[in-house]
Amino acid sequence: EIFINYLNARGGRVVLKPIDAVPQTWGTPLAAFADTLAHEEKVTALINNIYALAEQEHDYATR
């Protein structure tokens, strides 16, 4: 929500898309942690992409 509010305040337009349901069970605790790690890595990459785009566009406030 913080990202959405920030982007809206800066004149952006946020479009939310459906999110697939996440798994509710795993075969092992290790599998649950592996999925969690993969998700965190994906989110971190997306945030890094936003930062890189802000750099490219000289949008220093977003950095």
PDB file of N, CA and C in Angstrom:
ATOM      1  N   GLU A   1       0.825  -1.187   0.000  1.00  0.00           N
ATOM      2  CA  GLU A   1       0.000   0.000   0.000  1.00  0.00           C
ATOM      3  C   GLU A   1       0.872   1.256   0.000  1.00  0.00           C
ATOM      4  N   ILE A   2       2.010   1.200   0.669  1.00  0.00           N
ATOM      5  CA  ILE A   2       2.911   2.355   0.707  1.00  0.00           C
ATOM      6  C   ILE A   2       3.403   2.679  -0.698  1.00  0.00           C
ATOM      7  N   PHE A   3       3.793   1.652  -1.458  1.00  0.00           N
ATOM      8  CA  PHE A   3       4.255   1.879  -2.830  1.00  0.00           C
ATOM      9  C   PHE A   3       3.139   2.489  -3.678  1.00  0.00           C
ATOM     10  N   ILE A   4       1.927   1.974  -3.546  1.00  0.00           N
ATOM     11  CA  ILE A   4       0.799   2.474  -4.330  1.00  0.00           C
ATOM     12  C   ILE A   4       0.536   3.936  -4.011  1.00  0.00           C
ATOM     13  N   ASN A   5       0.473   4.269  -2.734  1.00  0.00           N
ATOM     14  CA  ASN A   5       0.227   5.658  -2.340  1.00  0.00           C
ATOM     15  C   ASN A   5       1.321   6.579  -2.853  1.00  0.00           C
ATOM     16  N   TYR A   6       2.556   6.135  -2.764  1.00  0.00           N
ATOM     17  CA  TYR A   6       3.677   6.951  -3.232  1.00  0.00           C
ATOM     18  C   TYR A   6       3.579   7.190  -4.736  1.00  0.00           C
ATOM     19  N   LEU A   7       3.354   6.127  -5.491  1.00  0.00           N
ATOM     20  CA  LEU A   7       3.271   6.271  -6.943  1.00  0.00           C
ATOM     21  C   LEU A   7       2.094   7.143  -7.357  1.00  0.00           C
ATOM     22  N   ASN A   8       0.964   6.991  -6.701  1.00  0.00           N
ATOM     23  CA  ASN A   8      -0.183   7.847  -6.994  1.00  0.00           C
ATOM     24  C   ASN A   8       0.126   9.309  -6.692  1.00  0.00           C
ATOM     25  N   ALA A   9       0.798   9.567  -5.589  1.00  0.00           N
ATOM     26  CA  ALA A   9       1.152  10.943  -5.219  1.00  0.00           C
ATOM     27  C   ALA A   9       2.113  11.561  -6.225  1.00  0.00           C
ATOM     28  N   ARG A  10       2.921  10.739  -6.886  1.00  0.00           N
ATOM     29  CA  ARG A  10       3.898  11.229  -7.870  1.00  0.00           C
ATOM     30  C   ARG A  10       3.316  11.276  -9.278  1.00  0.00           C
ATOM     31  N   GLY A  11       1.999  11.046  -9.400  1.00  0.00           N
ATOM     32  CA  GLY A  11       1.364  11.140 -10.708  1.00  0.00           C
ATOM     33  C   GLY A  11       1.311   9.841 -11.480  1.00  0.00           C
ATOM     34  N   GLY A  12       1.702   8.754 -10.838  1.00  0.00           N
ATOM     35  CA  GLY A  12       1.655   7.456 -11.505  1.00  0.00           C
ATOM     36  C   GLY A  12       0.252   6.888 -11.496  1.00  0.00           C
ATOM     37  N   ARG A  13       0.089   5.799 -12.181  1.00  0.00           N
ATOM     38  CA  ARG A  13      -1.195   5.112 -12.209  1.00  0.00           C
ATOM     39  C   ARG A  13      -0.934   3.637 -11.915  1.00  0.00           C
ATOM     40  N   VAL A  14      -1.396   3.188 -10.796  1.00  0.00           N
ATOM     41  CA  VAL A  14      -1.195   1.802 -10.379  1.00  0.00           C
ATOM     42  C   VAL A  14      -2.383   0.971 -10.854  1.00  0.00           C
ATOM     43  N   VAL A  15      -2.085  -0.117 -11.535  1.00  0.00           N
ATOM     44  CA  VAL A  15      -3.120  -1.044 -11.986  1.00  0.00           C
ATOM     45  C   VAL A  15      -2.856  -2.379 -11.297  1.00  0.00           C
ATOM     46  N   LEU A  16      -3.787  -2.783 -10.460  1.00  0.00           N
ATOM     47  CA  LEU A  16      -3.645  -4.052  -9.745  1.00  0.00           C
ATOM     48  C   LEU A  16      -4.201  -5.179 -10.603  1.00  0.00           C
ATOM     49  N   LYS A  17      -3.473  -6.267 -10.657  1.00  0.00           N
ATOM     50  CA  LYS A  17      -3.888  -7.439 -11.419  1.00  0.00           C
ATOM     51  C   LYS A  17      -4.143  -8.588 -10.449  1.00  0.00           C
ATOM     52  N   PRO A  18      -4.926  -9.582 -10.880  1.00  0.00           N
ATOM     53  CA  PRO A  18      -5.187 -10.729 -10.001  1.00  0.00           C
ATOM     54  C   PRO A  18      -3.888 -11.436  -9.605  1.00  0.00           C
ATOM     55  N   ILE A  19      -3.889 -11.950  -8.400  1.00  0.00           N
ATOM     56  CA  ILE A  19      -2.742 -12.694  -7.885  1.00  0.00           C
ATOM     57  C   ILE A  19      -3.167 -14.147  -7.717  1.00  0.00           C
ATOM     58  N   ASP A  20      -2.362 -15.047  -8.261  1.00  0.00           N
ATOM     59  CA  ASP A  20      -2.653 -16.473  -8.104  1.00  0.00           C
ATOM     60  C   ASP A  20      -2.596 -16.865  -6.632  1.00  0.00           C
ATOM     61  N   ALA A  21      -3.422 -17.826  -6.271  1.00  0.00           N
ATOM     62  CA  ALA A  21      -3.408 -18.334  -4.897  1.00  0.00           C
ATOM     63  C   ALA A  21      -2.050 -18.970  -4.605  1.00  0.00           C
ATOM     64  N   VAL A  22      -1.605 -18.783  -3.398  1.00  0.00           N
ATOM     65  CA  VAL A  22      -0.325 -19.366  -2.987  1.00  0.00           C
ATOM     66  C   VAL A  22      -0.565 -20.764  -2.423  1.00  0.00           C
ATOM     67  N   PRO A  23       0.451 -21.614  -2.464  1.00  0.00           N
ATOM     68  CA  PRO A  23       0.291 -22.953  -1.887  1.00  0.00           C
ATOM     69  C   PRO A  23      -0.072 -22.867  -0.398  1.00  0.00           C
ATOM     70  N   GLN A  24      -0.850 -23.812   0.043  1.00  0.00           N
ATOM     71  CA  GLN A  24      -1.249 -23.869   1.447  1.00  0.00           C
ATOM     72  C   GLN A  24      -0.553 -25.000   2.195  1.00  0.00           C
ATOM     73  N   THR A  25       0.002 -25.931   1.453  1.00  0.00           N
ATOM     74  CA  THR A  25       0.698 -27.058   2.073  1.00  0.00           C
ATOM     75  C   THR A  25       1.971 -27.350   1.288  1.00  0.00           C
ATOM     76  N   TRP A  26       2.937 -27.907   1.973  1.00  0.00           N
ATOM     77  CA  TRP A  26       4.207 -28.299   1.373  1.00  0.00           C
ATOM     78  C   TRP A  26       4.541 -29.698   1.872  1.00  0.00           C
ATOM     79  N   GLY A  27       5.339 -30.383   1.096  1.00  0.00           N
ATOM     80  CA  GLY A  27       5.728 -31.740   1.473  1.00  0.00           C
ATOM     81  C   GLY A  27       6.608 -31.786   2.703  1.00  0.00           C
ATOM     82  N   THR A  28       7.457 -30.764   2.847  1.00  0.00           N
ATOM     83  CA  THR A  28       8.390 -30.719   3.978  1.00  0.00           C
ATOM     84  C   THR A  28       8.559 -29.275   4.429  1.00  0.00           C
ATOM     85  N   PRO A  29       9.024 -29.070   5.644  1.00  0.00           N
ATOM     86  CA  PRO A  29       9.337 -27.704   6.068  1.00  0.00           C
ATOM     87  C   PRO A  29      10.376 -27.055   5.151  1.00  0.00           C
ATOM     88  N   LEU A  30      11.328 -27.840   4.670  1.00  0.00           N
ATOM     89  CA  LEU A  30      12.345 -27.300   3.772  1.00  0.00           C
ATOM     90  C   LEU A  30      11.710 -26.759   2.490  1.00  0.00           C
ATOM     91  N   ALA A  31      10.710 -27.451   1.966  1.00  0.00           N
ATOM     92  CA  ALA A  31      10.019 -26.989   0.760  1.00  0.00           C
ATOM     93  C   ALA A  31       9.311 -25.660   1.024  1.00  0.00           C
ATOM     94  N   ALA A  32       8.722 -25.509   2.204  1.00  0.00           N
ATOM     95  CA  ALA A  32       8.064 -24.248   2.560  1.00  0.00           C
ATOM     96  C   ALA A  32       9.077 -23.110   2.607  1.00  0.00           C
ATOM     97  N   PHE A  33      10.215 -23.361   3.223  1.00  0.00           N
ATOM     98  CA  PHE A  33      11.252 -22.329   3.295  1.00  0.00           C
ATOM     99  C   PHE A  33      11.832 -22.020   1.921  1.00  0.00           C
ATOM    100  N   ALA A  34      11.964 -23.030   1.074  1.00  0.00           N
ATOM    101  CA  ALA A  34      12.482 -22.813  -0.282  1.00  0.00           C
ATOM    102  C   ALA A  34      11.528 -21.927  -1.080  1.00  0.00           C
ATOM    103  N   ASP A  35      10.222 -22.166  -0.971  1.00  0.00           N
ATOM    104  CA  ASP A  35       9.240 -21.317  -1.651  1.00  0.00           C
ATOM    105  C   ASP A  35       9.275 -19.895  -1.106  1.00  0.00           C
ATOM    106  N   THR A  36       9.413 -19.773   0.205  1.00  0.00           N
ATOM    107  CA  THR A  36       9.486 -18.447   0.824  1.00  0.00           C
ATOM    108  C   THR A  36      10.712 -17.691   0.334  1.00  0.00           C
ATOM    109  N   LEU A  37      11.843 -18.354   0.281  1.00  0.00           N
ATOM    110  CA  LEU A  37      13.065 -17.725  -0.213  1.00  0.00           C
ATOM    111  C   LEU A  37      12.904 -17.289  -1.664  1.00  0.00           C
ATOM    112  N   ALA A  38      12.329 -18.143  -2.496  1.00  0.00           N
ATOM    113  CA  ALA A  38      12.124 -17.802  -3.909  1.00  0.00           C
ATOM    114  C   ALA A  38      11.234 -16.572  -4.042  1.00  0.00           C
ATOM    115  N   HIS A  39      10.199 -16.493  -3.212  1.00  0.00           N
ATOM    116  CA  HIS A  39       9.305 -15.326  -3.250  1.00  0.00           C
ATOM    117  C   HIS A  39      10.048 -14.057  -2.827  1.00  0.00           C
ATOM    118  N   GLU A  40      10.810 -14.134  -1.771  1.00  0.00           N
ATOM    119  CA  GLU A  40      11.575 -12.971  -1.309  1.00  0.00           C
ATOM    120  C   GLU A  40      12.574 -12.510  -2.365  1.00  0.00           C
ATOM    121  N   GLU A  41      13.205 -13.463  -3.044  1.00  0.00           N
ATOM    122  CA  GLU A  41      14.146 -13.105  -4.106  1.00  0.00           C
ATOM    123  C   GLU A  41      13.426 -12.405  -5.258  1.00  0.00           C
ATOM    124  N   LYS A  42      12.219 -12.865  -5.578  1.00  0.00           N
ATOM    125  CA  LYS A  42      11.431 -12.233  -6.648  1.00  0.00           C
ATOM    126  C   LYS A  42      11.052 -10.808  -6.264  1.00  0.00           C
ATOM    127  N   VAL A  43      10.554 -10.624  -5.043  1.00  0.00           N
ATOM    128  CA  VAL A  43      10.156  -9.290  -4.592  1.00  0.00           C
ATOM    129  C   VAL A  43      11.357  -8.351  -4.567  1.00  0.00           C
ATOM    130  N   THR A  44      12.488  -8.830  -4.083  1.00  0.00           N
ATOM    131  CA  THR A  44      13.702  -8.012  -4.053  1.00  0.00           C
ATOM    132  C   THR A  44      14.113  -7.603  -5.460  1.00  0.00           C
ATOM    133  N   ALA A  45      14.032  -8.519  -6.410  1.00  0.00           N
ATOM    134  CA  ALA A  45      14.377  -8.200  -7.800  1.00  0.00           C
ATOM    135  C   ALA A  45      13.435  -7.145  -8.366  1.00  0.00           C
ATOM    136  N   LEU A  46      12.151  -7.245  -8.053  1.00  0.00           N
ATOM    137  CA  LEU A  46      11.192  -6.247  -8.537  1.00  0.00           C
ATOM    138  C   LEU A  46      11.492  -4.864  -7.957  1.00  0.00           C
ATOM    139  N   ILE A  47      11.813  -4.806  -6.677  1.00  0.00           N
ATOM    140  CA  ILE A  47      12.163  -3.528  -6.049  1.00  0.00           C
ATOM    141  C   ILE A  47      13.444  -2.980  -6.666  1.00  0.00           C
ATOM    142  N   ASN A  48      14.419  -3.838  -6.899  1.00  0.00           N
ATOM    143  CA  ASN A  48      15.661  -3.395  -7.542  1.00  0.00           C
ATOM    144  C   ASN A  48      15.394  -2.857  -8.941  1.00  0.00           C
ATOM    145  N   ASN A  49      14.453  -3.462  -9.663  1.00  0.00           N
ATOM    146  CA  ASN A  49      14.098  -2.968 -10.993  1.00  0.00           C
ATOM    147  C   ASN A  49      13.476  -1.579 -10.928  1.00  0.00           C
ATOM    148  N   ILE A  50      12.653  -1.334  -9.918  1.00  0.00           N
ATOM    149  CA  ILE A  50      12.075   0.002  -9.737  1.00  0.00           C
ATOM    150  C   ILE A  50      13.186   1.008  -9.481  1.00  0.00           C
ATOM    151  N   TYR A  51      14.127   0.647  -8.638  1.00  0.00           N
ATOM    152  CA  TYR A  51      15.253   1.532  -8.331  1.00  0.00           C
ATOM    153  C   TYR A  51      16.064   1.825  -9.591  1.00  0.00           C
ATOM    154  N   ALA A  52      16.344   0.789 -10.384  1.00  0.00           N
ATOM    155  CA  ALA A  52      17.128   0.970 -11.610  1.00  0.00           C
ATOM    156  C   ALA A  52      16.395   1.879 -12.590  1.00  0.00           C
ATOM    157  N   LEU A  53      15.091   1.718 -12.711  1.00  0.00           N
ATOM    158  CA  LEU A  53      14.316   2.579 -13.600  1.00  0.00           C
ATOM    159  C   LEU A  53      14.326   4.022 -13.103  1.00  0.00           C
ATOM    160  N   ALA A  54      14.224   4.203 -11.786  1.00  0.00           N
ATOM    161  CA  ALA A  54      14.290   5.558 -11.222  1.00  0.00           C
ATOM    162  C   ALA A  54      15.633   6.199 -11.540  1.00  0.00           C
ATOM    163  N   GLU A  55      16.702   5.445 -11.439  1.00  0.00           N
ATOM    164  CA  GLU A  55      18.035   5.949 -11.790  1.00  0.00           C
ATOM    165  C   GLU A  55      18.078   6.356 -13.263  1.00  0.00           C
ATOM    166  N   GLN A  56      17.586   5.473 -14.115  1.00  0.00           N
ATOM    167  CA  GLN A  56      17.605   5.717 -15.559  1.00  0.00           C
ATOM    168  C   GLN A  56      16.813   6.971 -15.916  1.00  0.00           C
ATOM    169  N   GLU A  57      15.705   7.201 -15.229  1.00  0.00           N
ATOM    170  CA  GLU A  57      14.832   8.342 -15.505  1.00  0.00           C
ATOM    171  C   GLU A  57      15.219   9.581 -14.699  1.00  0.00           C
ATOM    172  N   HIS A  58      16.293   9.488 -13.946  1.00  0.00           N
ATOM    173  CA  HIS A  58      16.743  10.587 -13.075  1.00  0.00           C
ATOM    174  C   HIS A  58      15.640  11.009 -12.100  1.00  0.00           C
ATOM    175  N   ASP A  59      14.893  10.041 -11.625  1.00  0.00           N
ATOM    176  CA  ASP A  59      13.822  10.281 -10.657  1.00  0.00           C
ATOM    177  C   ASP A  59      14.405  10.081  -9.266  1.00  0.00           C
ATOM    178  N   TYR A  60      15.117  11.080  -8.809  1.00  0.00           N
ATOM    179  CA  TYR A  60      15.861  10.959  -7.557  1.00  0.00           C
ATOM    180  C   TYR A  60      14.953  10.820  -6.340  1.00  0.00           C
ATOM    181  N   ALA A  61      13.754  11.357  -6.395  1.00  0.00           N
ATOM    182  CA  ALA A  61      12.831  11.230  -5.262  1.00  0.00           C
ATOM    183  C   ALA A  61      12.411   9.780  -5.054  1.00  0.00           C
ATOM    184  N   THR A  62      12.282   9.036  -6.132  1.00  0.00           N
ATOM    185  CA  THR A  62      11.863   7.640  -6.020  1.00  0.00           C
ATOM    186  C   THR A  62      12.986   6.753  -5.522  1.00  0.00           C
ATOM    187  N   ARG A  63      14.223   7.114  -5.849  1.00  0.00           N
ATOM    188  CA  ARG A  63      15.354   6.317  -5.386  1.00  0.00           C
ATOM    189  C   ARG A  63      15.286   6.223  -3.900  1.00  0.00           C
TER     190      ARG A  63
END
